[in-house]
Amino acid sequence: KSPVVVFDDADQENALNGITAGIFGASGQSCIAGSRLYLQSNIYDEFLKKLISKAEKIKLGGPMEKDTQMGPLNSFKQLENIEKNIKATLEQGGKIKCGGKRSSISNKGYYFPATIIECKNHNLPVAENELFGPILSVMKFDKEDEVDWRIRRQCAQKRTALTRHRPMIKKFYTPIGGRFFLRRRGCSKPATGTLKNISLSNDKTVLCALNSFSATIVCR
């Protein structure tokens, strides 16, 4: 369950586009899909409203159709598993903000719409279990220490933080070992180094995505 953390200083348009592609691309059927979203409380309502608007506009359809933006799931079993976890989440207090039910075109395949579910915590079924589908669990946080503790409690192949605050990157991703890749916009070849001696001079760093092997830092 790869977490994405959006701080209040992040570029919201970049964040919205990245999150939408990260969880709804390939219908969420990716090992590194950003399926858990943590939003800082002072941007929570505004950001979530914009994200819902984007998700509701995603067009389901056959992969060979020109206007299709998101295709079907892999199997009926997968569809049933998603529905089972959503039902259990709602029973425990989760709230569907968009999607949440199989599409009307499901008679043509295993179609499930882009779905956003508001969760009180990440112990709810959709936030805790790997669904391998277009299901985004959204949670609120106030301070960085709070969300840092949350994301470290669960195993994830990738962690993503969106912020312009350079020290936050070190706070989130040390003392984890591995490699990092530093890429500036317009530059085709990233610089590399170890996470242990990471040093950034650009104070406009906007994205740091990390798994247990490497990190990718994108600078404006």
N, C-alpha and C. Protein backbone atom coordinates (compact mmCIF):
# COMPACT_ATOMS: atom_id res chain seq x y z
N LYS A 1 0.85 -1.19 0.00
CA LYS A 1 0.00 0.00 0.00
C LYS A 1 0.89 1.24 0.00
N SER A 2 1.24 1.70 -1.17
CA SER A 2 2.17 2.82 -1.29
C SER A 2 1.51 4.15 -0.89
N PRO A 3 2.05 4.84 0.11
CA PRO A 3 1.45 6.10 0.56
C PRO A 3 1.95 7.31 -0.21
N VAL A 4 1.07 8.29 -0.36
CA VAL A 4 1.41 9.59 -0.94
C VAL A 4 1.04 10.64 0.09
N VAL A 5 1.99 11.51 0.42
CA VAL A 5 1.77 12.55 1.42
C VAL A 5 1.84 13.91 0.73
N VAL A 6 0.79 14.72 0.90
CA VAL A 6 0.77 16.06 0.31
C VAL A 6 0.80 17.09 1.43
N PHE A 7 1.87 17.88 1.46
CA PHE A 7 1.99 18.94 2.45
C PHE A 7 1.37 20.22 1.92
N ASP A 8 1.10 21.15 2.81
CA ASP A 8 0.36 22.36 2.42
C ASP A 8 1.13 23.29 1.50
N ASP A 9 2.45 23.08 1.35
CA ASP A 9 3.23 23.95 0.48
C ASP A 9 3.44 23.34 -0.92
N ALA A 10 2.85 22.17 -1.17
CA ALA A 10 3.04 21.50 -2.46
C ALA A 10 2.33 22.24 -3.58
N ASP A 11 2.85 22.10 -4.79
CA ASP A 11 2.18 22.61 -5.97
C ASP A 11 0.95 21.74 -6.20
N GLN A 12 -0.23 22.30 -6.00
CA GLN A 12 -1.44 21.49 -6.01
C GLN A 12 -1.75 20.89 -7.38
N GLU A 13 -1.53 21.63 -8.44
CA GLU A 13 -1.85 21.11 -9.76
C GLU A 13 -0.96 19.92 -10.10
N ASN A 14 0.34 20.04 -9.79
CA ASN A 14 1.25 18.91 -10.01
C ASN A 14 0.84 17.71 -9.16
N ALA A 15 0.48 17.99 -7.92
CA ALA A 15 0.09 16.92 -7.01
C ALA A 15 -1.17 16.21 -7.50
N LEU A 16 -2.16 16.97 -7.94
CA LEU A 16 -3.42 16.39 -8.42
C LEU A 16 -3.17 15.49 -9.63
N ASN A 17 -2.36 15.96 -10.56
CA ASN A 17 -2.07 15.17 -11.76
C ASN A 17 -1.30 13.89 -11.42
N GLY A 18 -0.32 14.02 -10.54
CA GLY A 18 0.48 12.86 -10.16
C GLY A 18 -0.32 11.82 -9.41
N ILE A 19 -1.17 12.26 -8.50
CA ILE A 19 -1.99 11.32 -7.72
C ILE A 19 -2.99 10.61 -8.61
N THR A 20 -3.64 11.37 -9.50
CA THR A 20 -4.62 10.78 -10.41
C THR A 20 -3.99 9.71 -11.28
N ALA A 21 -2.82 10.01 -11.86
CA ALA A 21 -2.13 9.03 -12.70
C ALA A 21 -1.63 7.85 -11.88
N GLY A 22 -1.19 8.11 -10.66
CA GLY A 22 -0.58 7.09 -9.83
C GLY A 22 -1.54 6.01 -9.37
N ILE A 23 -2.80 6.37 -9.10
CA ILE A 23 -3.74 5.37 -8.60
C ILE A 23 -4.72 4.90 -9.66
N PHE A 24 -5.09 5.75 -10.61
CA PHE A 24 -6.10 5.37 -11.59
C PHE A 24 -5.51 4.89 -12.92
N GLY A 25 -4.22 5.15 -13.13
CA GLY A 25 -3.55 4.59 -14.30
C GLY A 25 -3.54 3.07 -14.22
N ALA A 26 -3.82 2.40 -15.34
CA ALA A 26 -3.90 0.93 -15.39
C ALA A 26 -4.94 0.40 -14.41
N SER A 27 -5.96 1.22 -14.14
CA SER A 27 -7.05 0.85 -13.23
C SER A 27 -6.54 0.48 -11.84
N GLY A 28 -5.41 1.09 -11.45
CA GLY A 28 -4.86 0.84 -10.12
C GLY A 28 -4.16 -0.50 -9.99
N GLN A 29 -3.99 -1.22 -11.10
CA GLN A 29 -3.41 -2.57 -11.06
C GLN A 29 -1.89 -2.50 -11.19
N SER A 30 -1.27 -1.93 -10.17
CA SER A 30 0.18 -1.76 -10.15
C SER A 30 0.68 -1.95 -8.72
N CYS A 31 1.84 -2.57 -8.59
CA CYS A 31 2.41 -2.81 -7.26
C CYS A 31 2.81 -1.51 -6.56
N ILE A 32 3.00 -0.44 -7.33
CA ILE A 32 3.41 0.83 -6.71
C ILE A 32 2.34 1.91 -6.89
N ALA A 33 1.10 1.50 -7.13
CA ALA A 33 0.01 2.48 -7.22
C ALA A 33 -0.12 3.22 -5.89
N GLY A 34 -0.25 4.54 -5.96
CA GLY A 34 -0.36 5.34 -4.73
C GLY A 34 -1.76 5.26 -4.16
N SER A 35 -2.04 4.19 -3.43
CA SER A 35 -3.42 3.90 -2.99
C SER A 35 -3.80 4.49 -1.64
N ARG A 36 -2.81 5.03 -0.91
CA ARG A 36 -3.11 5.71 0.37
C ARG A 36 -2.67 7.16 0.26
N LEU A 37 -3.59 8.08 0.45
CA LEU A 37 -3.29 9.50 0.33
C LEU A 37 -3.47 10.20 1.67
N TYR A 38 -2.42 10.91 2.09
CA TYR A 38 -2.46 11.69 3.33
C TYR A 38 -2.38 13.17 2.97
N LEU A 39 -3.40 13.92 3.35
CA LEU A 39 -3.46 15.35 3.04
C LEU A 39 -3.34 16.16 4.32
N GLN A 40 -2.49 17.19 4.31
CA GLN A 40 -2.37 18.05 5.48
C GLN A 40 -3.69 18.79 5.70
N SER A 41 -4.08 18.90 6.94
CA SER A 41 -5.44 19.33 7.29
C SER A 41 -5.85 20.69 6.73
N ASN A 42 -4.91 21.64 6.64
CA ASN A 42 -5.30 22.98 6.19
C ASN A 42 -5.52 23.08 4.68
N ILE A 43 -5.21 22.02 3.92
CA ILE A 43 -5.55 22.01 2.49
C ILE A 43 -6.51 20.88 2.16
N TYR A 44 -6.91 20.14 3.17
CA TYR A 44 -7.66 18.89 2.98
C TYR A 44 -8.93 19.08 2.15
N ASP A 45 -9.82 19.95 2.58
CA ASP A 45 -11.13 20.10 1.93
C ASP A 45 -11.00 20.58 0.49
N GLU A 46 -10.18 21.61 0.28
CA GLU A 46 -10.01 22.18 -1.05
C GLU A 46 -9.38 21.16 -2.00
N PHE A 47 -8.33 20.51 -1.54
CA PHE A 47 -7.61 19.56 -2.39
C PHE A 47 -8.49 18.36 -2.72
N LEU A 48 -9.20 17.85 -1.74
CA LEU A 48 -10.05 16.68 -1.95
C LEU A 48 -11.16 16.98 -2.94
N LYS A 49 -11.72 18.17 -2.85
CA LYS A 49 -12.77 18.57 -3.79
C LYS A 49 -12.25 18.56 -5.23
N LYS A 50 -11.05 19.09 -5.43
CA LYS A 50 -10.45 19.11 -6.77
C LYS A 50 -10.15 17.70 -7.27
N LEU A 51 -9.69 16.85 -6.36
CA LEU A 51 -9.34 15.48 -6.73
C LEU A 51 -10.58 14.69 -7.12
N ILE A 52 -11.66 14.87 -6.38
CA ILE A 52 -12.93 14.21 -6.69
C ILE A 52 -13.41 14.62 -8.08
N SER A 53 -13.31 15.90 -8.37
CA SER A 53 -13.73 16.41 -9.67
C SER A 53 -12.96 15.73 -10.80
N LYS A 54 -11.65 15.55 -10.62
CA LYS A 54 -10.83 14.87 -11.63
C LYS A 54 -11.25 13.40 -11.78
N ALA A 55 -11.45 12.74 -10.66
CA ALA A 55 -11.77 11.31 -10.69
C ALA A 55 -13.12 11.06 -11.35
N GLU A 56 -14.08 11.91 -11.11
CA GLU A 56 -15.42 11.72 -11.67
C GLU A 56 -15.46 11.88 -13.19
N LYS A 57 -14.44 12.53 -13.73
CA LYS A 57 -14.41 12.76 -15.19
C LYS A 57 -13.69 11.65 -15.95
N ILE A 58 -13.12 10.69 -15.24
CA ILE A 58 -12.39 9.61 -15.91
C ILE A 58 -13.39 8.68 -16.61
N LYS A 59 -13.20 8.50 -17.88
CA LYS A 59 -14.13 7.69 -18.68
C LYS A 59 -13.69 6.24 -18.74
N LEU A 60 -14.60 5.35 -18.32
CA LEU A 60 -14.38 3.92 -18.42
C LEU A 60 -14.73 3.43 -19.81
N GLY A 61 -14.03 2.37 -20.25
CA GLY A 61 -14.36 1.80 -21.54
C GLY A 61 -13.37 0.75 -21.98
N GLY A 62 -13.62 0.19 -23.13
CA GLY A 62 -12.74 -0.84 -23.67
C GLY A 62 -11.38 -0.26 -24.02
N PRO A 63 -10.32 -1.02 -23.79
CA PRO A 63 -8.95 -0.53 -24.05
C PRO A 63 -8.71 -0.09 -25.49
N MET A 64 -9.48 -0.62 -26.45
CA MET A 64 -9.27 -0.28 -27.86
C MET A 64 -10.10 0.92 -28.31
N GLU A 65 -10.95 1.44 -27.42
CA GLU A 65 -11.77 2.60 -27.77
C GLU A 65 -10.96 3.88 -27.58
N LYS A 66 -11.08 4.80 -28.53
CA LYS A 66 -10.25 6.00 -28.55
C LYS A 66 -10.46 6.91 -27.34
N ASP A 67 -11.69 7.00 -26.86
CA ASP A 67 -11.95 7.94 -25.76
C ASP A 67 -11.85 7.31 -24.37
N THR A 68 -11.43 6.06 -24.31
CA THR A 68 -11.27 5.38 -23.02
C THR A 68 -10.10 5.97 -22.24
N GLN A 69 -10.34 6.22 -20.95
CA GLN A 69 -9.26 6.70 -20.07
C GLN A 69 -8.89 5.67 -19.01
N MET A 70 -9.80 4.74 -18.74
CA MET A 70 -9.50 3.68 -17.78
C MET A 70 -10.25 2.41 -18.18
N GLY A 71 -9.54 1.29 -18.20
CA GLY A 71 -10.11 0.03 -18.65
C GLY A 71 -10.60 -0.84 -17.51
N PRO A 72 -10.85 -2.12 -17.79
CA PRO A 72 -11.42 -3.03 -16.80
C PRO A 72 -10.39 -3.61 -15.85
N LEU A 73 -10.89 -4.29 -14.84
CA LEU A 73 -10.06 -5.04 -13.92
C LEU A 73 -9.69 -6.38 -14.56
N ASN A 74 -8.80 -7.09 -13.90
CA ASN A 74 -8.28 -8.33 -14.47
C ASN A 74 -9.27 -9.49 -14.41
N SER A 75 -10.08 -9.55 -13.34
CA SER A 75 -10.95 -10.71 -13.16
C SER A 75 -12.17 -10.38 -12.32
N PHE A 76 -13.16 -11.24 -12.39
CA PHE A 76 -14.36 -11.07 -11.58
C PHE A 76 -14.03 -11.25 -10.09
N LYS A 77 -13.11 -12.15 -9.80
CA LYS A 77 -12.68 -12.36 -8.41
C LYS A 77 -12.10 -11.08 -7.81
N GLN A 78 -11.34 -10.38 -8.60
CA GLN A 78 -10.76 -9.11 -8.15
C GLN A 78 -11.86 -8.08 -7.90
N LEU A 79 -12.83 -8.03 -8.79
CA LEU A 79 -13.96 -7.12 -8.63
C LEU A 79 -14.72 -7.41 -7.34
N GLU A 80 -14.96 -8.68 -7.08
CA GLU A 80 -15.68 -9.07 -5.86
C GLU A 80 -14.88 -8.73 -4.60
N ASN A 81 -13.56 -8.89 -4.66
CA ASN A 81 -12.73 -8.57 -3.51
C ASN A 81 -12.77 -7.08 -3.19
N ILE A 82 -12.75 -6.25 -4.23
CA ILE A 82 -12.85 -4.80 -4.04
C ILE A 82 -14.18 -4.44 -3.39
N GLU A 83 -15.25 -5.01 -3.89
CA GLU A 83 -16.58 -4.72 -3.34
C GLU A 83 -16.69 -5.17 -1.88
N LYS A 84 -16.10 -6.32 -1.56
CA LYS A 84 -16.13 -6.84 -0.19
C LYS A 84 -15.40 -5.89 0.76
N ASN A 85 -14.24 -5.39 0.35
CA ASN A 85 -13.47 -4.48 1.19
C ASN A 85 -14.14 -3.12 1.34
N ILE A 86 -14.77 -2.64 0.29
CA ILE A 86 -15.49 -1.37 0.37
C ILE A 86 -16.67 -1.50 1.34
N LYS A 87 -17.41 -2.58 1.24
CA LYS A 87 -18.55 -2.80 2.14
C LYS A 87 -18.10 -2.82 3.60
N ALA A 88 -17.01 -3.54 3.88
CA ALA A 88 -16.50 -3.61 5.25
C ALA A 88 -16.02 -2.25 5.73
N THR A 89 -15.43 -1.47 4.83
CA THR A 89 -14.95 -0.13 5.20
C THR A 89 -16.10 0.79 5.54
N LEU A 90 -17.16 0.74 4.77
CA LEU A 90 -18.34 1.57 5.05
C LEU A 90 -18.97 1.20 6.38
N GLU A 91 -18.97 -0.06 6.70
CA GLU A 91 -19.52 -0.52 7.98
C GLU A 91 -18.70 -0.02 9.16
N GLN A 92 -17.42 0.29 8.90
CA GLN A 92 -16.53 0.76 9.96
C GLN A 92 -16.33 2.28 9.94
N GLY A 93 -17.14 2.98 9.17
CA GLY A 93 -17.11 4.44 9.20
C GLY A 93 -16.52 5.14 8.00
N GLY A 94 -16.05 4.40 7.00
CA GLY A 94 -15.53 5.03 5.79
C GLY A 94 -16.64 5.70 5.00
N LYS A 95 -16.28 6.72 4.22
CA LYS A 95 -17.27 7.46 3.43
C LYS A 95 -16.84 7.51 1.97
N ILE A 96 -17.73 7.07 1.09
CA ILE A 96 -17.45 7.14 -0.34
C ILE A 96 -17.63 8.58 -0.82
N LYS A 97 -16.60 9.13 -1.46
CA LYS A 97 -16.67 10.49 -2.00
C LYS A 97 -16.98 10.49 -3.49
N CYS A 98 -16.61 9.41 -4.18
CA CYS A 98 -17.01 9.23 -5.59
C CYS A 98 -16.78 7.77 -5.95
N GLY A 99 -17.52 7.29 -6.97
CA GLY A 99 -17.41 5.90 -7.36
C GLY A 99 -18.00 4.98 -6.32
N GLY A 100 -17.34 3.85 -6.09
CA GLY A 100 -17.74 2.94 -5.02
C GLY A 100 -18.63 1.79 -5.42
N LYS A 101 -19.19 1.82 -6.64
CA LYS A 101 -20.04 0.73 -7.10
C LYS A 101 -19.63 0.35 -8.52
N ARG A 102 -19.79 -0.92 -8.86
CA ARG A 102 -19.40 -1.38 -10.19
C ARG A 102 -20.14 -0.60 -11.27
N SER A 103 -19.48 -0.40 -12.38
CA SER A 103 -20.02 0.42 -13.45
C SER A 103 -21.21 -0.24 -14.14
N SER A 104 -22.04 0.59 -14.76
CA SER A 104 -23.19 0.09 -15.52
C SER A 104 -22.76 -0.69 -16.75
N ILE A 105 -21.50 -0.56 -17.16
CA ILE A 105 -21.01 -1.31 -18.32
C ILE A 105 -20.30 -2.59 -17.89
N SER A 106 -20.50 -2.99 -16.63
CA SER A 106 -19.83 -4.19 -16.12
C SER A 106 -20.32 -5.46 -16.80
N ASN A 107 -21.44 -5.39 -17.50
CA ASN A 107 -21.90 -6.56 -18.26
C ASN A 107 -21.00 -6.82 -19.47
N LYS A 108 -20.13 -5.84 -19.77
CA LYS A 108 -19.19 -5.98 -20.89
C LYS A 108 -17.78 -6.31 -20.41
N GLY A 109 -17.60 -6.39 -19.11
CA GLY A 109 -16.27 -6.64 -18.56
C GLY A 109 -16.27 -6.30 -17.08
N TYR A 110 -15.11 -6.40 -16.46
CA TYR A 110 -15.01 -6.18 -15.01
C TYR A 110 -14.65 -4.73 -14.73
N TYR A 111 -15.60 -3.86 -14.97
CA TYR A 111 -15.35 -2.42 -14.87
C TYR A 111 -15.73 -1.88 -13.49
N PHE A 112 -14.82 -1.08 -12.93
CA PHE A 112 -15.08 -0.43 -11.65
C PHE A 112 -14.57 1.01 -11.77
N PRO A 113 -15.38 1.98 -11.40
CA PRO A 113 -15.00 3.38 -11.60
C PRO A 113 -13.93 3.87 -10.64
N ALA A 114 -13.32 4.99 -10.98
CA ALA A 114 -12.37 5.64 -10.08
C ALA A 114 -13.09 5.96 -8.78
N THR A 115 -12.54 5.48 -7.69
CA THR A 115 -13.23 5.57 -6.39
C THR A 115 -12.33 6.23 -5.35
N ILE A 116 -12.91 7.15 -4.60
CA ILE A 116 -12.20 7.81 -3.51
C ILE A 116 -13.00 7.59 -2.23
N ILE A 117 -12.33 7.09 -1.21
CA ILE A 117 -13.00 6.80 0.06
C ILE A 117 -12.28 7.53 1.19
N GLU A 118 -13.03 8.30 1.93
CA GLU A 118 -12.49 9.04 3.08
C GLU A 118 -12.42 8.11 4.28
N CYS A 119 -11.25 8.00 4.87
CA CYS A 119 -11.04 7.07 5.98
C CYS A 119 -10.60 7.84 7.24
N LYS A 120 -11.11 7.44 8.37
CA LYS A 120 -10.71 8.07 9.62
C LYS A 120 -9.28 7.70 9.99
N ASN A 121 -8.87 6.51 9.58
CA ASN A 121 -7.50 6.05 9.85
C ASN A 121 -7.13 4.99 8.83
N HIS A 122 -5.88 4.58 8.83
CA HIS A 122 -5.45 3.61 7.82
C HIS A 122 -5.61 2.17 8.27
N ASN A 123 -6.41 1.94 9.31
CA ASN A 123 -6.72 0.58 9.72
C ASN A 123 -8.00 0.06 9.08
N LEU A 124 -8.68 0.89 8.31
CA LEU A 124 -9.88 0.44 7.61
C LEU A 124 -9.48 -0.47 6.45
N PRO A 125 -10.35 -1.41 6.08
CA PRO A 125 -9.98 -2.43 5.08
C PRO A 125 -9.42 -1.89 3.77
N VAL A 126 -10.04 -0.85 3.19
CA VAL A 126 -9.54 -0.37 1.89
C VAL A 126 -8.18 0.31 2.01
N ALA A 127 -7.86 0.83 3.19
CA ALA A 127 -6.57 1.48 3.40
C ALA A 127 -5.49 0.49 3.81
N GLU A 128 -5.91 -0.62 4.36
CA GLU A 128 -4.96 -1.59 4.90
C GLU A 128 -4.64 -2.72 3.92
N ASN A 129 -5.61 -3.09 3.09
CA ASN A 129 -5.44 -4.25 2.21
C ASN A 129 -5.10 -3.83 0.78
N GLU A 130 -4.27 -4.62 0.14
CA GLU A 130 -3.92 -4.37 -1.26
C GLU A 130 -5.08 -4.80 -2.15
N LEU A 131 -5.73 -3.85 -2.81
CA LEU A 131 -6.91 -4.15 -3.61
C LEU A 131 -6.59 -4.32 -5.09
N PHE A 132 -5.50 -3.76 -5.53
CA PHE A 132 -5.12 -3.85 -6.94
C PHE A 132 -6.25 -3.35 -7.84
N GLY A 133 -6.75 -2.17 -7.50
CA GLY A 133 -7.83 -1.57 -8.26
C GLY A 133 -7.83 -0.06 -8.09
N PRO A 134 -8.75 0.65 -8.76
CA PRO A 134 -8.76 2.12 -8.74
C PRO A 134 -9.43 2.69 -7.50
N ILE A 135 -8.91 2.30 -6.34
CA ILE A 135 -9.50 2.70 -5.06
C ILE A 135 -8.49 3.52 -4.28
N LEU A 136 -8.81 4.77 -4.00
CA LEU A 136 -7.91 5.66 -3.26
C LEU A 136 -8.48 5.93 -1.88
N SER A 137 -7.71 5.62 -0.85
CA SER A 137 -8.09 5.91 0.53
C SER A 137 -7.47 7.24 0.94
N VAL A 138 -8.29 8.15 1.45
CA VAL A 138 -7.81 9.49 1.79
C VAL A 138 -7.92 9.72 3.29
N MET A 139 -6.82 10.23 3.86
CA MET A 139 -6.78 10.51 5.30
C MET A 139 -6.17 11.88 5.56
N LYS A 140 -6.47 12.42 6.72
CA LYS A 140 -6.03 13.77 7.09
C LYS A 140 -4.93 13.68 8.14
N PHE A 141 -3.98 14.61 8.07
CA PHE A 141 -2.97 14.70 9.12
C PHE A 141 -2.68 16.17 9.42
N ASP A 142 -2.19 16.44 10.61
CA ASP A 142 -1.87 17.81 11.01
C ASP A 142 -0.39 18.11 10.90
N LYS A 143 0.44 17.29 11.55
CA LYS A 143 1.88 17.55 11.61
C LYS A 143 2.66 16.42 10.97
N GLU A 144 3.88 16.75 10.52
CA GLU A 144 4.69 15.77 9.80
C GLU A 144 5.05 14.56 10.65
N ASP A 145 5.26 14.75 11.96
CA ASP A 145 5.60 13.62 12.81
C ASP A 145 4.49 12.58 12.84
N GLU A 146 3.27 13.07 12.80
CA GLU A 146 2.11 12.19 12.82
C GLU A 146 2.05 11.31 11.58
N VAL A 147 2.22 11.91 10.42
CA VAL A 147 2.12 11.13 9.18
C VAL A 147 3.36 10.28 8.97
N ASP A 148 4.51 10.75 9.43
CA ASP A 148 5.75 9.97 9.33
C ASP A 148 5.59 8.65 10.08
N TRP A 149 5.02 8.72 11.28
CA TRP A 149 4.79 7.51 12.08
C TRP A 149 3.82 6.58 11.39
N ARG A 150 2.78 7.15 10.79
CA ARG A 150 1.77 6.33 10.12
C ARG A 150 2.34 5.53 8.95
N ILE A 151 3.09 6.21 8.07
CA ILE A 151 3.54 5.52 6.87
C ILE A 151 4.65 4.52 7.16
N ARG A 152 5.37 4.71 8.25
CA ARG A 152 6.44 3.77 8.59
C ARG A 152 5.90 2.49 9.23
N ARG A 153 4.64 2.52 9.66
CA ARG A 153 4.06 1.34 10.30
C ARG A 153 3.71 0.25 9.30
N GLN A 154 3.51 0.61 8.05
CA GLN A 154 3.10 -0.36 7.05
C GLN A 154 4.16 -0.52 5.97
N CYS A 155 4.27 -1.74 5.47
CA CYS A 155 5.22 -2.02 4.39
C CYS A 155 4.73 -1.37 3.10
N ALA A 156 5.64 -0.79 2.34
CA ALA A 156 5.27 -0.17 1.07
C ALA A 156 6.44 -0.27 0.10
N GLN A 157 6.15 -0.52 -1.16
CA GLN A 157 7.21 -0.57 -2.16
C GLN A 157 7.66 0.83 -2.56
N LYS A 158 6.82 1.82 -2.32
CA LYS A 158 7.18 3.19 -2.67
C LYS A 158 6.51 4.15 -1.71
N ARG A 159 7.23 5.21 -1.36
CA ARG A 159 6.64 6.30 -0.58
C ARG A 159 6.86 7.59 -1.34
N THR A 160 5.83 8.43 -1.36
CA THR A 160 5.94 9.69 -2.10
C THR A 160 5.53 10.84 -1.19
N ALA A 161 6.34 11.88 -1.15
CA ALA A 161 6.02 13.09 -0.41
C ALA A 161 6.08 14.27 -1.35
N LEU A 162 5.06 15.10 -1.35
CA LEU A 162 5.02 16.28 -2.19
C LEU A 162 5.14 17.52 -1.31
N THR A 163 6.24 18.23 -1.47
CA THR A 163 6.54 19.40 -0.65
C THR A 163 7.62 20.23 -1.30
N ARG A 164 7.69 21.50 -0.94
CA ARG A 164 8.79 22.35 -1.37
C ARG A 164 9.81 22.53 -0.24
N HIS A 165 9.56 21.87 0.88
CA HIS A 165 10.41 22.05 2.06
C HIS A 165 11.52 21.02 2.05
N ARG A 166 12.72 21.44 1.68
CA ARG A 166 13.85 20.54 1.48
C ARG A 166 14.18 19.67 2.70
N PRO A 167 14.21 20.21 3.93
CA PRO A 167 14.56 19.36 5.07
C PRO A 167 13.58 18.21 5.30
N MET A 168 12.35 18.36 4.79
CA MET A 168 11.36 17.31 4.99
C MET A 168 11.78 16.02 4.31
N ILE A 169 12.51 16.13 3.21
CA ILE A 169 12.94 14.94 2.48
C ILE A 169 13.86 14.09 3.36
N LYS A 170 14.83 14.74 3.96
CA LYS A 170 15.74 13.99 4.83
C LYS A 170 15.00 13.40 6.02
N LYS A 171 14.04 14.15 6.56
CA LYS A 171 13.30 13.70 7.72
C LYS A 171 12.52 12.43 7.41
N PHE A 172 11.94 12.38 6.21
CA PHE A 172 11.11 11.25 5.84
C PHE A 172 11.91 10.03 5.42
N TYR A 173 13.07 10.24 4.80
CA TYR A 173 13.70 9.12 4.13
C TYR A 173 15.08 8.75 4.65
N THR A 174 15.43 9.20 5.82
CA THR A 174 16.63 8.72 6.49
C THR A 174 16.18 8.11 7.82
N PRO A 175 16.89 7.11 8.33
CA PRO A 175 18.17 6.57 7.88
C PRO A 175 18.03 5.36 6.95
N ILE A 176 17.07 5.39 6.02
CA ILE A 176 16.90 4.28 5.09
C ILE A 176 18.05 4.27 4.10
N GLY A 177 18.57 3.07 3.82
CA GLY A 177 19.69 2.97 2.89
C GLY A 177 19.21 2.92 1.45
N GLY A 178 20.13 2.64 0.52
CA GLY A 178 19.77 2.51 -0.88
C GLY A 178 20.35 3.62 -1.72
N ARG A 179 19.74 3.87 -2.87
CA ARG A 179 20.21 4.88 -3.80
C ARG A 179 19.15 5.94 -4.03
N PHE A 180 19.60 7.13 -4.43
CA PHE A 180 18.61 8.14 -4.82
C PHE A 180 18.94 8.63 -6.22
N PHE A 181 17.93 9.17 -6.87
CA PHE A 181 18.08 9.72 -8.21
C PHE A 181 17.54 11.14 -8.19
N LEU A 182 18.38 12.09 -8.52
CA LEU A 182 17.99 13.50 -8.51
C LEU A 182 17.79 13.96 -9.95
N ARG A 183 16.57 14.37 -10.25
CA ARG A 183 16.26 14.77 -11.62
C ARG A 183 15.66 16.17 -11.62
N ARG A 184 16.23 17.05 -12.43
CA ARG A 184 15.68 18.38 -12.59
C ARG A 184 14.90 18.43 -13.89
N ARG A 185 13.85 19.23 -13.90
CA ARG A 185 13.04 19.35 -15.10
C ARG A 185 13.89 19.82 -16.27
N GLY A 186 13.71 19.17 -17.40
CA GLY A 186 14.47 19.53 -18.58
C GLY A 186 15.80 18.82 -18.68
N CYS A 187 16.12 18.00 -17.69
CA CYS A 187 17.38 17.26 -17.69
C CYS A 187 17.09 15.79 -17.90
N SER A 188 17.68 15.17 -18.91
CA SER A 188 17.38 13.79 -19.24
C SER A 188 18.15 12.79 -18.40
N LYS A 189 19.29 13.19 -17.83
CA LYS A 189 20.10 12.27 -17.06
C LYS A 189 20.13 12.68 -15.58
N PRO A 190 19.59 11.83 -14.70
CA PRO A 190 19.58 12.17 -13.28
C PRO A 190 20.94 11.96 -12.63
N ALA A 191 21.19 12.75 -11.59
CA ALA A 191 22.38 12.51 -10.76
C ALA A 191 22.03 11.40 -9.78
N THR A 192 23.03 10.67 -9.32
CA THR A 192 22.77 9.57 -8.40
C THR A 192 23.70 9.66 -7.20
N GLY A 193 23.33 8.96 -6.14
CA GLY A 193 24.17 8.93 -4.95
C GLY A 193 23.52 8.03 -3.91
N THR A 194 24.08 7.97 -2.72
CA THR A 194 23.48 7.16 -1.67
C THR A 194 22.58 8.02 -0.81
N LEU A 195 21.54 7.39 -0.26
CA LEU A 195 20.62 8.14 0.58
C LEU A 195 21.29 8.61 1.88
N LYS A 196 22.35 7.94 2.25
CA LYS A 196 23.01 8.30 3.50
C LYS A 196 23.73 9.64 3.41
N ASN A 197 24.18 10.01 2.22
CA ASN A 197 24.89 11.29 2.10
C ASN A 197 24.16 12.26 1.18
N ILE A 198 22.83 12.14 1.13
CA ILE A 198 22.04 12.99 0.26
C ILE A 198 22.22 14.46 0.61
N SER A 199 22.42 15.28 -0.39
CA SER A 199 22.59 16.71 -0.18
C SER A 199 21.91 17.45 -1.33
N LEU A 200 20.95 18.31 -0.99
CA LEU A 200 20.20 19.04 -2.00
C LEU A 200 20.43 20.54 -1.82
N SER A 201 20.71 21.22 -2.91
CA SER A 201 20.92 22.66 -2.83
C SER A 201 19.72 23.43 -3.36
N ASN A 202 18.81 22.75 -4.04
CA ASN A 202 17.65 23.41 -4.63
C ASN A 202 16.51 23.44 -3.63
N ASP A 203 16.04 24.63 -3.24
CA ASP A 203 14.99 24.71 -2.24
C ASP A 203 13.59 24.61 -2.85
N LYS A 204 13.51 24.25 -4.15
CA LYS A 204 12.22 24.08 -4.80
C LYS A 204 11.93 22.61 -5.10
N THR A 205 12.49 21.73 -4.31
CA THR A 205 12.22 20.32 -4.47
C THR A 205 10.73 20.07 -4.23
N VAL A 206 10.07 19.41 -5.18
CA VAL A 206 8.63 19.24 -5.06
C VAL A 206 8.20 17.79 -4.86
N LEU A 207 9.05 16.84 -5.17
CA LEU A 207 8.60 15.47 -5.06
C LEU A 207 9.75 14.55 -4.65
N CYS A 208 9.49 13.69 -3.70
CA CYS A 208 10.47 12.69 -3.33
C CYS A 208 9.74 11.36 -3.20
N ALA A 209 10.04 10.42 -4.09
CA ALA A 209 9.38 9.12 -4.06
C ALA A 209 10.42 8.05 -3.74
N LEU A 210 10.14 7.22 -2.76
CA LEU A 210 11.15 6.29 -2.27
C LEU A 210 10.59 4.89 -2.09
N ASN A 211 11.33 3.88 -2.49
CA ASN A 211 11.03 2.53 -2.04
C ASN A 211 12.25 2.03 -1.26
N SER A 212 12.24 0.77 -0.91
CA SER A 212 13.33 0.27 -0.06
C SER A 212 14.66 0.21 -0.79
N PHE A 213 14.65 0.41 -2.08
CA PHE A 213 15.88 0.34 -2.86
C PHE A 213 16.35 1.71 -3.37
N SER A 214 15.43 2.59 -3.68
CA SER A 214 15.85 3.86 -4.29
C SER A 214 14.85 4.96 -4.03
N ALA A 215 15.31 6.19 -4.25
CA ALA A 215 14.43 7.35 -4.14
C ALA A 215 14.54 8.14 -5.42
N THR A 216 13.48 8.82 -5.79
CA THR A 216 13.52 9.73 -6.92
C THR A 216 13.09 11.10 -6.44
N ILE A 217 13.94 12.08 -6.68
CA ILE A 217 13.68 13.45 -6.22
C ILE A 217 13.56 14.34 -7.44
N VAL A 218 12.43 14.95 -7.62
CA VAL A 218 12.22 15.79 -8.78
C VAL A 218 12.23 17.24 -8.36
N CYS A 219 13.06 18.05 -9.02
CA CYS A 219 13.19 19.47 -8.67
C CYS A 219 12.63 20.34 -9.81
N ARG A 220 12.07 21.45 -9.43
CA ARG A 220 11.56 22.39 -10.42
C ARG A 220 12.69 23.25 -10.95
